[in-house]
Amino acid sequence: MEMDDGVVYQDDSNTNVMSERVSGLAASIYREFERMIRKYDEDVVKDLMPLVVGVLENLDAMFAENQEHEVELELLREDNEQLITQYEREKALRKHAEEVSECPGPW
């Protein structure tokens, strides 16, 4: 596990870069762990550190998933807007066609 710069962590499969938000949080937690180690001993955080790293990794994964959902939501909003525009256009064309069919022709 590497947390020296607060940006990289080791995963079982590969190395990933954390989001800026999570890496900032990880850096703050890491500094607090260092302070606790200097003041008390590394045994104070030895069991806690893997748990916190796991939470940060899960938080980062959820943050990335949330960003994907936000992109998907924006695409769906755009699709919805296009469908509404198309619906309004077709509704107006149908109304116009009905008005034309109801008008008596000059013949």
PDB file of N, CA and C in Angstrom:
ATOM      1  N   MET A   1       0.850  -1.177   0.000  1.00  0.00           N
ATOM      2  CA  MET A   1       0.000   0.000   0.000  1.00  0.00           C
ATOM      3  C   MET A   1       0.887   1.228   0.000  1.00  0.00           C
ATOM      4  N   GLU A   2       0.665   2.145  -0.960  1.00  0.00           N
ATOM      5  CA  GLU A   2       1.411   3.388  -1.006  1.00  0.00           C
ATOM      6  C   GLU A   2       0.466   4.535  -0.773  1.00  0.00           C
ATOM      7  N   MET A   3       0.781   5.347   0.230  1.00  0.00           N
ATOM      8  CA  MET A   3      -0.046   6.521   0.478  1.00  0.00           C
ATOM      9  C   MET A   3       0.827   7.755   0.659  1.00  0.00           C
ATOM     10  N   ASP A   4       2.095   7.681   0.235  1.00  0.00           N
ATOM     11  CA  ASP A   4       2.998   8.805   0.465  1.00  0.00           C
ATOM     12  C   ASP A   4       2.464  10.094  -0.125  1.00  0.00           C
ATOM     13  N   ASP A   5       1.933  10.036  -1.350  1.00  0.00           N
ATOM     14  CA  ASP A   5       1.432  11.264  -1.948  1.00  0.00           C
ATOM     15  C   ASP A   5      -0.084  11.375  -1.846  1.00  0.00           C
ATOM     16  N   GLY A   6      -0.740  10.379  -1.285  1.00  0.00           N
ATOM     17  CA  GLY A   6      -2.177  10.442  -1.100  1.00  0.00           C
ATOM     18  C   GLY A   6      -2.960  10.249  -2.371  1.00  0.00           C
ATOM     19  N   VAL A   7      -2.309   9.802  -3.449  1.00  0.00           N
ATOM     20  CA  VAL A   7      -3.002   9.692  -4.716  1.00  0.00           C
ATOM     21  C   VAL A   7      -3.088   8.254  -5.195  1.00  0.00           C
ATOM     22  N   VAL A   8      -2.090   7.431  -4.893  1.00  0.00           N
ATOM     23  CA  VAL A   8      -2.054   6.077  -5.434  1.00  0.00           C
ATOM     24  C   VAL A   8      -2.268   5.062  -4.323  1.00  0.00           C
ATOM     25  N   TYR A   9      -3.047   4.036  -4.617  1.00  0.00           N
ATOM     26  CA  TYR A   9      -3.195   2.937  -3.686  1.00  0.00           C
ATOM     27  C   TYR A   9      -3.074   1.641  -4.466  1.00  0.00           C
ATOM     28  N   GLN A  10      -2.723   0.579  -3.774  1.00  0.00           N
ATOM     29  CA  GLN A  10      -2.511  -0.701  -4.439  1.00  0.00           C
ATOM     30  C   GLN A  10      -3.768  -1.547  -4.344  1.00  0.00           C
ATOM     31  N   ASP A  11      -4.251  -1.991  -5.476  1.00  0.00           N
ATOM     32  CA  ASP A  11      -5.404  -2.875  -5.589  1.00  0.00           C
ATOM     33  C   ASP A  11      -4.861  -4.264  -5.902  1.00  0.00           C
ATOM     34  N   ASP A  12      -5.653  -5.301  -5.701  1.00  0.00           N
ATOM     35  CA  ASP A  12      -5.190  -6.657  -6.006  1.00  0.00           C
ATOM     36  C   ASP A  12      -4.880  -6.830  -7.484  1.00  0.00           C
ATOM     37  N   SER A  13      -5.645  -6.192  -8.360  1.00  0.00           N
ATOM     38  CA  SER A  13      -5.487  -6.411  -9.790  1.00  0.00           C
ATOM     39  C   SER A  13      -4.544  -5.413 -10.445  1.00  0.00           C
ATOM     40  N   ASN A  14      -4.595  -4.141 -10.053  1.00  0.00           N
ATOM     41  CA  ASN A  14      -3.743  -3.132 -10.677  1.00  0.00           C
ATOM     42  C   ASN A  14      -3.689  -1.878  -9.814  1.00  0.00           C
ATOM     43  N   THR A  15      -2.916  -0.899 -10.280  1.00  0.00           N
ATOM     44  CA  THR A  15      -2.805   0.362  -9.561  1.00  0.00           C
ATOM     45  C   THR A  15      -3.807   1.339 -10.151  1.00  0.00           C
ATOM     46  N   ASN A  16      -4.561   2.020  -9.273  1.00  0.00           N
ATOM     47  CA  ASN A  16      -5.584   2.967  -9.707  1.00  0.00           C
ATOM     48  C   ASN A  16      -5.266   4.344  -9.162  1.00  0.00           C
ATOM     49  N   VAL A  17      -5.737   5.354  -9.850  1.00  0.00           N
ATOM     50  CA  VAL A  17      -5.602   6.719  -9.374  1.00  0.00           C
ATOM     51  C   VAL A  17      -6.931   7.117  -8.749  1.00  0.00           C
ATOM     52  N   MET A  18      -6.866   7.612  -7.527  1.00  0.00           N
ATOM     53  CA  MET A  18      -8.084   8.021  -6.826  1.00  0.00           C
ATOM     54  C   MET A  18      -8.576   9.360  -7.353  1.00  0.00           C
ATOM     55  N   SER A  19      -9.854   9.590  -7.165  1.00  0.00           N
ATOM     56  CA  SER A  19     -10.408  10.892  -7.499  1.00  0.00           C
ATOM     57  C   SER A  19      -9.754  11.942  -6.615  1.00  0.00           C
ATOM     58  N   GLU A  20      -9.796  13.178  -7.053  1.00  0.00           N
ATOM     59  CA  GLU A  20      -9.181  14.269  -6.293  1.00  0.00           C
ATOM     60  C   GLU A  20      -9.789  14.398  -4.905  1.00  0.00           C
ATOM     61  N   ARG A  21     -11.100  14.286  -4.831  1.00  0.00           N
ATOM     62  CA  ARG A  21     -11.790  14.408  -3.546  1.00  0.00           C
ATOM     63  C   ARG A  21     -11.316  13.352  -2.557  1.00  0.00           C
ATOM     64  N   VAL A  22     -11.298  12.120  -3.019  1.00  0.00           N
ATOM     65  CA  VAL A  22     -10.934  11.013  -2.132  1.00  0.00           C
ATOM     66  C   VAL A  22      -9.445  11.061  -1.802  1.00  0.00           C
ATOM     67  N   SER A  23      -8.614  11.443  -2.762  1.00  0.00           N
ATOM     68  CA  SER A  23      -7.181  11.505  -2.459  1.00  0.00           C
ATOM     69  C   SER A  23      -6.895  12.608  -1.443  1.00  0.00           C
ATOM     70  N   GLY A  24      -7.628  13.704  -1.486  1.00  0.00           N
ATOM     71  CA  GLY A  24      -7.477  14.754  -0.480  1.00  0.00           C
ATOM     72  C   GLY A  24      -7.862  14.254   0.896  1.00  0.00           C
ATOM     73  N   LEU A  25      -8.952  13.528   0.947  1.00  0.00           N
ATOM     74  CA  LEU A  25      -9.399  12.938   2.207  1.00  0.00           C
ATOM     75  C   LEU A  25      -8.372  11.917   2.711  1.00  0.00           C
ATOM     76  N   ALA A  26      -7.865  11.090   1.793  1.00  0.00           N
ATOM     77  CA  ALA A  26      -6.860  10.085   2.165  1.00  0.00           C
ATOM     78  C   ALA A  26      -5.593  10.757   2.706  1.00  0.00           C
ATOM     79  N   ALA A  27      -5.186  11.844   2.089  1.00  0.00           N
ATOM     80  CA  ALA A  27      -3.994  12.553   2.550  1.00  0.00           C
ATOM     81  C   ALA A  27      -4.196  13.100   3.965  1.00  0.00           C
ATOM     82  N   SER A  28      -5.383  13.640   4.224  1.00  0.00           N
ATOM     83  CA  SER A  28      -5.676  14.166   5.568  1.00  0.00           C
ATOM     84  C   SER A  28      -5.664  13.043   6.607  1.00  0.00           C
ATOM     85  N   ILE A  29      -6.265  11.928   6.263  1.00  0.00           N
ATOM     86  CA  ILE A  29      -6.297  10.787   7.188  1.00  0.00           C
ATOM     87  C   ILE A  29      -4.887  10.258   7.410  1.00  0.00           C
ATOM     88  N   TYR A  30      -4.106  10.193   6.331  1.00  0.00           N
ATOM     89  CA  TYR A  30      -2.737   9.707   6.442  1.00  0.00           C
ATOM     90  C   TYR A  30      -1.905  10.600   7.371  1.00  0.00           C
ATOM     91  N   ARG A  31      -2.074  11.920   7.228  1.00  0.00           N
ATOM     92  CA  ARG A  31      -1.352  12.841   8.124  1.00  0.00           C
ATOM     93  C   ARG A  31      -1.757  12.613   9.580  1.00  0.00           C
ATOM     94  N   GLU A  32      -3.041  12.377   9.801  1.00  0.00           N
ATOM     95  CA  GLU A  32      -3.510  12.126  11.164  1.00  0.00           C
ATOM     96  C   GLU A  32      -2.927  10.809  11.688  1.00  0.00           C
ATOM     97  N   PHE A  33      -2.864   9.783  10.831  1.00  0.00           N
ATOM     98  CA  PHE A  33      -2.239   8.520  11.239  1.00  0.00           C
ATOM     99  C   PHE A  33      -0.771   8.740  11.604  1.00  0.00           C
ATOM    100  N   GLU A  34      -0.057   9.510  10.778  1.00  0.00           N
ATOM    101  CA  GLU A  34       1.349   9.787  11.074  1.00  0.00           C
ATOM    102  C   GLU A  34       1.494  10.476  12.426  1.00  0.00           C
ATOM    103  N   ARG A  35       0.623  11.439  12.706  1.00  0.00           N
ATOM    104  CA  ARG A  35       0.663  12.146  13.979  1.00  0.00           C
ATOM    105  C   ARG A  35       0.428  11.173  15.135  1.00  0.00           C
ATOM    106  N   MET A  36      -0.538  10.276  14.972  1.00  0.00           N
ATOM    107  CA  MET A  36      -0.835   9.298  16.023  1.00  0.00           C
ATOM    108  C   MET A  36       0.332   8.334  16.223  1.00  0.00           C
ATOM    109  N   ILE A  37       0.978   7.933  15.122  1.00  0.00           N
ATOM    110  CA  ILE A  37       2.122   7.026  15.217  1.00  0.00           C
ATOM    111  C   ILE A  37       3.276   7.704  15.957  1.00  0.00           C
ATOM    112  N   ARG A  38       3.545   8.980  15.596  1.00  0.00           N
ATOM    113  CA  ARG A  38       4.627   9.711  16.279  1.00  0.00           C
ATOM    114  C   ARG A  38       4.335   9.864  17.777  1.00  0.00           C
ATOM    115  N   LYS A  39       3.073  10.119  18.096  1.00  0.00           N
ATOM    116  CA  LYS A  39       2.715  10.388  19.489  1.00  0.00           C
ATOM    117  C   LYS A  39       2.629   9.108  20.326  1.00  0.00           C
ATOM    118  N   TYR A  40       2.061   8.044  19.750  1.00  0.00           N
ATOM    119  CA  TYR A  40       1.813   6.835  20.541  1.00  0.00           C
ATOM    120  C   TYR A  40       2.674   5.661  20.103  1.00  0.00           C
ATOM    121  N   ASP A  41       2.483   5.197  18.896  1.00  0.00           N
ATOM    122  CA  ASP A  41       3.222   4.058  18.346  1.00  0.00           C
ATOM    123  C   ASP A  41       2.422   3.573  17.139  1.00  0.00           C
ATOM    124  N   GLU A  42       3.082   2.827  16.274  1.00  0.00           N
ATOM    125  CA  GLU A  42       2.370   2.364  15.081  1.00  0.00           C
ATOM    126  C   GLU A  42       1.304   1.318  15.400  1.00  0.00           C
ATOM    127  N   ASP A  43       1.407   0.672  16.556  1.00  0.00           N
ATOM    128  CA  ASP A  43       0.397  -0.315  16.942  1.00  0.00           C
ATOM    129  C   ASP A  43      -0.990   0.314  17.088  1.00  0.00           C
ATOM    130  N   VAL A  44      -1.031   1.622  17.346  1.00  0.00           N
ATOM    131  CA  VAL A  44      -2.304   2.322  17.528  1.00  0.00           C
ATOM    132  C   VAL A  44      -3.150   2.280  16.249  1.00  0.00           C
ATOM    133  N   VAL A  45      -2.488   2.362  15.111  1.00  0.00           N
ATOM    134  CA  VAL A  45      -3.228   2.426  13.844  1.00  0.00           C
ATOM    135  C   VAL A  45      -3.083   1.171  12.991  1.00  0.00           C
ATOM    136  N   LYS A  46      -2.313   0.210  13.439  1.00  0.00           N
ATOM    137  CA  LYS A  46      -2.013  -0.954  12.603  1.00  0.00           C
ATOM    138  C   LYS A  46      -3.264  -1.721  12.185  1.00  0.00           C
ATOM    139  N   ASP A  47      -4.233  -1.880  13.061  1.00  0.00           N
ATOM    140  CA  ASP A  47      -5.465  -2.593  12.707  1.00  0.00           C
ATOM    141  C   ASP A  47      -6.483  -1.669  12.037  1.00  0.00           C
ATOM    142  N   LEU A  48      -6.381  -0.398  12.327  1.00  0.00           N
ATOM    143  CA  LEU A  48      -7.326   0.572  11.782  1.00  0.00           C
ATOM    144  C   LEU A  48      -6.999   0.957  10.332  1.00  0.00           C
ATOM    145  N   MET A  49      -5.729   1.043  10.014  1.00  0.00           N
ATOM    146  CA  MET A  49      -5.322   1.507   8.688  1.00  0.00           C
ATOM    147  C   MET A  49      -5.899   0.668   7.546  1.00  0.00           C
ATOM    148  N   PRO A  50      -5.853  -0.657   7.581  1.00  0.00           N
ATOM    149  CA  PRO A  50      -6.435  -1.427   6.472  1.00  0.00           C
ATOM    150  C   PRO A  50      -7.944  -1.185   6.313  1.00  0.00           C
ATOM    151  N   LEU A  51      -8.622  -0.985   7.445  1.00  0.00           N
ATOM    152  CA  LEU A  51     -10.060  -0.697   7.376  1.00  0.00           C
ATOM    153  C   LEU A  51     -10.317   0.645   6.699  1.00  0.00           C
ATOM    154  N   VAL A  52      -9.538   1.642   7.078  1.00  0.00           N
ATOM    155  CA  VAL A  52      -9.705   2.973   6.493  1.00  0.00           C
ATOM    156  C   VAL A  52      -9.358   2.943   5.007  1.00  0.00           C
ATOM    157  N   VAL A  53      -8.305   2.241   4.645  1.00  0.00           N
ATOM    158  CA  VAL A  53      -7.933   2.127   3.227  1.00  0.00           C
ATOM    159  C   VAL A  53      -9.069   1.469   2.446  1.00  0.00           C
ATOM    160  N   GLY A  54      -9.650   0.419   3.012  1.00  0.00           N
ATOM    161  CA  GLY A  54     -10.775  -0.235   2.349  1.00  0.00           C
ATOM    162  C   GLY A  54     -11.963   0.696   2.180  1.00  0.00           C
ATOM    163  N   VAL A  55     -12.253   1.474   3.197  1.00  0.00           N
ATOM    164  CA  VAL A  55     -13.356   2.441   3.122  1.00  0.00           C
ATOM    165  C   VAL A  55     -13.061   3.492   2.051  1.00  0.00           C
ATOM    166  N   LEU A  56     -11.827   3.980   2.015  1.00  0.00           N
ATOM    167  CA  LEU A  56     -11.459   4.981   1.006  1.00  0.00           C
ATOM    168  C   LEU A  56     -11.549   4.401  -0.407  1.00  0.00           C
ATOM    169  N   GLU A  57     -11.122   3.166  -0.576  1.00  0.00           N
ATOM    170  CA  GLU A  57     -11.227   2.525  -1.890  1.00  0.00           C
ATOM    171  C   GLU A  57     -12.684   2.379  -2.303  1.00  0.00           C
ATOM    172  N   ASN A  58     -13.531   1.959  -1.358  1.00  0.00           N
ATOM    173  CA  ASN A  58     -14.961   1.838  -1.667  1.00  0.00           C
ATOM    174  C   ASN A  58     -15.580   3.204  -1.949  1.00  0.00           C
ATOM    175  N   LEU A  59     -15.186   4.200  -1.184  1.00  0.00           N
ATOM    176  CA  LEU A  59     -15.675   5.553  -1.411  1.00  0.00           C
ATOM    177  C   LEU A  59     -15.288   6.029  -2.805  1.00  0.00           C
ATOM    178  N   ASP A  60     -14.055   5.768  -3.191  1.00  0.00           N
ATOM    179  CA  ASP A  60     -13.593   6.171  -4.514  1.00  0.00           C
ATOM    180  C   ASP A  60     -14.376   5.450  -5.608  1.00  0.00           C
ATOM    181  N   ALA A  61     -14.620   4.153  -5.411  1.00  0.00           N
ATOM    182  CA  ALA A  61     -15.386   3.391  -6.400  1.00  0.00           C
ATOM    183  C   ALA A  61     -16.810   3.933  -6.507  1.00  0.00           C
ATOM    184  N   MET A  62     -17.415   4.272  -5.379  1.00  0.00           N
ATOM    185  CA  MET A  62     -18.772   4.822  -5.389  1.00  0.00           C
ATOM    186  C   MET A  62     -18.794   6.217  -6.021  1.00  0.00           C
ATOM    187  N   PHE A  63     -17.738   6.985  -5.781  1.00  0.00           N
ATOM    188  CA  PHE A  63     -17.634   8.306  -6.388  1.00  0.00           C
ATOM    189  C   PHE A  63     -17.563   8.170  -7.907  1.00  0.00           C
ATOM    190  N   ALA A  64     -16.751   7.231  -8.396  1.00  0.00           N
ATOM    191  CA  ALA A  64     -16.634   7.006  -9.842  1.00  0.00           C
ATOM    192  C   ALA A  64     -17.963   6.518 -10.418  1.00  0.00           C
ATOM    193  N   GLU A  65     -18.619   5.612  -9.698  1.00  0.00           N
ATOM    194  CA  GLU A  65     -19.914   5.107 -10.156  1.00  0.00           C
ATOM    195  C   GLU A  65     -20.941   6.231 -10.191  1.00  0.00           C
ATOM    196  N   ASN A  66     -20.908   7.100  -9.198  1.00  0.00           N
ATOM    197  CA  ASN A  66     -21.819   8.236  -9.160  1.00  0.00           C
ATOM    198  C   ASN A  66     -21.589   9.157 -10.360  1.00  0.00           C
ATOM    199  N   GLN A  67     -20.331   9.386 -10.701  1.00  0.00           N
ATOM    200  CA  GLN A  67     -20.028  10.223 -11.860  1.00  0.00           C
ATOM    201  C   GLN A  67     -20.569   9.580 -13.138  1.00  0.00           C
ATOM    202  N   GLU A  68     -20.448   8.251 -13.258  1.00  0.00           N
ATOM    203  CA  GLU A  68     -21.000   7.553 -14.421  1.00  0.00           C
ATOM    204  C   GLU A  68     -22.514   7.730 -14.483  1.00  0.00           C
ATOM    205  N   HIS A  69     -23.156   7.633 -13.322  1.00  0.00           N
ATOM    206  CA  HIS A  69     -24.611   7.809 -13.274  1.00  0.00           C
ATOM    207  C   HIS A  69     -25.009   9.234 -13.648  1.00  0.00           C
ATOM    208  N   GLU A  70     -24.214  10.208 -13.226  1.00  0.00           N
ATOM    209  CA  GLU A  70     -24.503  11.599 -13.578  1.00  0.00           C
ATOM    210  C   GLU A  70     -24.401  11.813 -15.081  1.00  0.00           C
ATOM    211  N   VAL A  71     -23.400  11.205 -15.715  1.00  0.00           N
ATOM    212  CA  VAL A  71     -23.256  11.300 -17.169  1.00  0.00           C
ATOM    213  C   VAL A  71     -24.447  10.638 -17.850  1.00  0.00           C
ATOM    214  N   GLU A  72     -24.812   9.454 -17.371  1.00  0.00           N
ATOM    215  CA  GLU A  72     -25.958   8.737 -17.935  1.00  0.00           C
ATOM    216  C   GLU A  72     -27.245   9.548 -17.757  1.00  0.00           C
ATOM    217  N   LEU A  73     -27.409  10.155 -16.600  1.00  0.00           N
ATOM    218  CA  LEU A  73     -28.588  10.978 -16.330  1.00  0.00           C
ATOM    219  C   LEU A  73     -28.650  12.160 -17.292  1.00  0.00           C
ATOM    220  N   GLU A  74     -27.518  12.800 -17.527  1.00  0.00           N
ATOM    221  CA  GLU A  74     -27.489  13.935 -18.453  1.00  0.00           C
ATOM    222  C   GLU A  74     -27.864  13.490 -19.865  1.00  0.00           C
ATOM    223  N   LEU A  75     -27.366  12.332 -20.275  1.00  0.00           N
ATOM    224  CA  LEU A  75     -27.722  11.812 -21.602  1.00  0.00           C
ATOM    225  C   LEU A  75     -29.218  11.507 -21.686  1.00  0.00           C
ATOM    226  N   LEU A  76     -29.769  10.942 -20.618  1.00  0.00           N
ATOM    227  CA  LEU A  76     -31.203  10.649 -20.598  1.00  0.00           C
ATOM    228  C   LEU A  76     -32.034  11.933 -20.611  1.00  0.00           C
ATOM    229  N   ARG A  77     -31.560  12.960 -19.925  1.00  0.00           N
ATOM    230  CA  ARG A  77     -32.260  14.253 -19.956  1.00  0.00           C
ATOM    231  C   ARG A  77     -32.276  14.826 -21.372  1.00  0.00           C
ATOM    232  N   GLU A  78     -31.129  14.733 -22.046  1.00  0.00           N
ATOM    233  CA  GLU A  78     -31.055  15.216 -23.426  1.00  0.00           C
ATOM    234  C   GLU A  78     -31.992  14.416 -24.321  1.00  0.00           C
ATOM    235  N   ASP A  79     -32.001  13.090 -24.158  1.00  0.00           N
ATOM    236  CA  ASP A  79     -32.918  12.248 -24.938  1.00  0.00           C
ATOM    237  C   ASP A  79     -34.362  12.637 -24.667  1.00  0.00           C
ATOM    238  N   ASN A  80     -34.690  12.857 -23.400  1.00  0.00           N
ATOM    239  CA  ASN A  80     -36.048  13.237 -23.022  1.00  0.00           C
ATOM    240  C   ASN A  80     -36.432  14.571 -23.664  1.00  0.00           C
ATOM    241  N   GLU A  81     -35.527  15.515 -23.642  1.00  0.00           N
ATOM    242  CA  GLU A  81     -35.786  16.822 -24.246  1.00  0.00           C
ATOM    243  C   GLU A  81     -36.044  16.679 -25.746  1.00  0.00           C
ATOM    244  N   GLN A  82     -35.245  15.858 -26.410  1.00  0.00           N
ATOM    245  CA  GLN A  82     -35.433  15.628 -27.851  1.00  0.00           C
ATOM    246  C   GLN A  82     -36.776  14.952 -28.118  1.00  0.00           C
ATOM    247  N   LEU A  83     -37.143  13.984 -27.270  1.00  0.00           N
ATOM    248  CA  LEU A  83     -38.426  13.303 -27.452  1.00  0.00           C
ATOM    249  C   LEU A  83     -39.600  14.250 -27.237  1.00  0.00           C
ATOM    250  N   ILE A  84     -39.493  15.119 -26.243  1.00  0.00           N
ATOM    251  CA  ILE A  84     -40.558  16.096 -26.006  1.00  0.00           C
ATOM    252  C   ILE A  84     -40.686  17.039 -27.196  1.00  0.00           C
ATOM    253  N   THR A  85     -39.555  17.506 -27.714  1.00  0.00           N
ATOM    254  CA  THR A  85     -39.567  18.392 -28.882  1.00  0.00           C
ATOM    255  C   THR A  85     -40.195  17.691 -30.077  1.00  0.00           C
ATOM    256  N   GLN A  86     -39.818  16.440 -30.291  1.00  0.00           N
ATOM    257  CA  GLN A  86     -40.373  15.668 -31.404  1.00  0.00           C
ATOM    258  C   GLN A  86     -41.874  15.451 -31.210  1.00  0.00           C
ATOM    259  N   TYR A  87     -42.287  15.164 -29.985  1.00  0.00           N
ATOM    260  CA  TYR A  87     -43.698  14.962 -29.679  1.00  0.00           C
ATOM    261  C   TYR A  87     -44.497  16.243 -29.963  1.00  0.00           C
ATOM    262  N   GLU A  88     -43.984  17.373 -29.490  1.00  0.00           N
ATOM    263  CA  GLU A  88     -44.669  18.656 -29.709  1.00  0.00           C
ATOM    264  C   GLU A  88     -44.772  18.965 -31.203  1.00  0.00           C
ATOM    265  N   ARG A  89     -43.723  18.699 -31.952  1.00  0.00           N
ATOM    266  CA  ARG A  89     -43.723  18.937 -33.395  1.00  0.00           C
ATOM    267  C   ARG A  89     -44.762  18.061 -34.082  1.00  0.00           C
ATOM    268  N   GLU A  90     -44.767  16.767 -33.748  1.00  0.00           N
ATOM    269  CA  GLU A  90     -45.731  15.854 -34.359  1.00  0.00           C
ATOM    270  C   GLU A  90     -47.165  16.189 -33.951  1.00  0.00           C
ATOM    271  N   LYS A  91     -47.342  16.629 -32.727  1.00  0.00           N
ATOM    272  CA  LYS A  91     -48.664  17.037 -32.252  1.00  0.00           C
ATOM    273  C   LYS A  91     -49.172  18.237 -33.051  1.00  0.00           C
ATOM    274  N   ALA A  92     -48.282  19.205 -33.284  1.00  0.00           N
ATOM    275  CA  ALA A  92     -48.651  20.383 -34.073  1.00  0.00           C
ATOM    276  C   ALA A  92     -48.950  19.991 -35.515  1.00  0.00           C
ATOM    277  N   LEU A  93     -48.163  19.105 -36.088  1.00  0.00           N
ATOM    278  CA  LEU A  93     -48.408  18.654 -37.466  1.00  0.00           C
ATOM    279  C   LEU A  93     -49.734  17.906 -37.580  1.00  0.00           C
ATOM    280  N   ARG A  94     -50.043  17.077 -36.597  1.00  0.00           N
ATOM    281  CA  ARG A  94     -51.308  16.339 -36.603  1.00  0.00           C
ATOM    282  C   ARG A  94     -52.487  17.311 -36.504  1.00  0.00           C
ATOM    283  N   LYS A  95     -52.356  18.301 -35.626  1.00  0.00           N
ATOM    284  CA  LYS A  95     -53.417  19.294 -35.463  1.00  0.00           C
ATOM    285  C   LYS A  95     -53.621  20.044 -36.770  1.00  0.00           C
ATOM    286  N   HIS A  96     -52.522  20.422 -37.409  1.00  0.00           N
ATOM    287  CA  HIS A  96     -52.601  21.126 -38.690  1.00  0.00           C
ATOM    288  C   HIS A  96     -53.250  20.237 -39.757  1.00  0.00           C
ATOM    289  N   ALA A  97     -52.868  18.967 -39.774  1.00  0.00           N
ATOM    290  CA  ALA A  97     -53.442  18.039 -40.758  1.00  0.00           C
ATOM    291  C   ALA A  97     -54.934  17.854 -40.525  1.00  0.00           C
ATOM    292  N   GLU A  98     -55.358  17.780 -39.268  1.00  0.00           N
ATOM    293  CA  GLU A  98     -56.789  17.646 -38.961  1.00  0.00           C
ATOM    294  C   GLU A  98     -57.552  18.906 -39.365  1.00  0.00           C
ATOM    295  N   GLU A  99     -56.965  20.059 -39.144  1.00  0.00           N
ATOM    296  CA  GLU A  99     -57.609  21.324 -39.519  1.00  0.00           C
ATOM    297  C   GLU A  99     -57.767  21.407 -41.026  1.00  0.00           C
ATOM    298  N   VAL A 100     -56.749  20.969 -41.765  1.00  0.00           N
ATOM    299  CA  VAL A 100     -56.800  20.992 -43.236  1.00  0.00           C
ATOM    300  C   VAL A 100     -57.845  20.015 -43.740  1.00  0.00           C
ATOM    301  N   SER A 101     -57.939  18.848 -43.111  1.00  0.00           N
ATOM    302  CA  SER A 101     -58.933  17.848 -43.575  1.00  0.00           C
ATOM    303  C   SER A 101     -60.356  18.256 -43.248  1.00  0.00           C
ATOM    304  N   GLU A 102     -60.547  19.093 -42.214  1.00  0.00           N
ATOM    305  CA  GLU A 102     -61.881  19.548 -41.847  1.00  0.00           C
ATOM    306  C   GLU A 102     -62.337  20.722 -42.714  1.00  0.00           C
ATOM    307  N   CYS A 103     -61.431  21.461 -43.295  1.00  0.00           N
ATOM    308  CA  CYS A 103     -61.790  22.611 -44.125  1.00  0.00           C
ATOM    309  C   CYS A 103     -62.342  22.100 -45.468  1.00  0.00           C
ATOM    310  N   PRO A 104     -63.459  22.644 -45.910  1.00  0.00           N
ATOM    311  CA  PRO A 104     -63.970  22.243 -47.229  1.00  0.00           C
ATOM    312  C   PRO A 104     -63.055  22.762 -48.324  1.00  0.00           C
ATOM    313  N   GLY A 105     -62.779  21.916 -49.261  1.00  0.00           N
ATOM    314  CA  GLY A 105     -61.896  22.283 -50.368  1.00  0.00           C
ATOM    315  C   GLY A 105     -62.622  23.179 -51.371  1.00  0.00           C
ATOM    316  N   PRO A 106     -61.874  23.829 -52.224  1.00  0.00           N
ATOM    317  CA  PRO A 106     -62.462  24.734 -53.218  1.00  0.00           C
ATOM    318  C   PRO A 106     -63.180  23.971 -54.360  1.00  0.00           C
ATOM    319  N   TRP A 107     -63.113  22.708 -54.436  1.00  0.00           N
ATOM    320  CA  TRP A 107     -63.730  21.926 -55.501  1.00  0.00           C
ATOM    321  C   TRP A 107     -65.139  21.743 -55.263  1.00  0.00           C
TER     322      TRP A 107
END
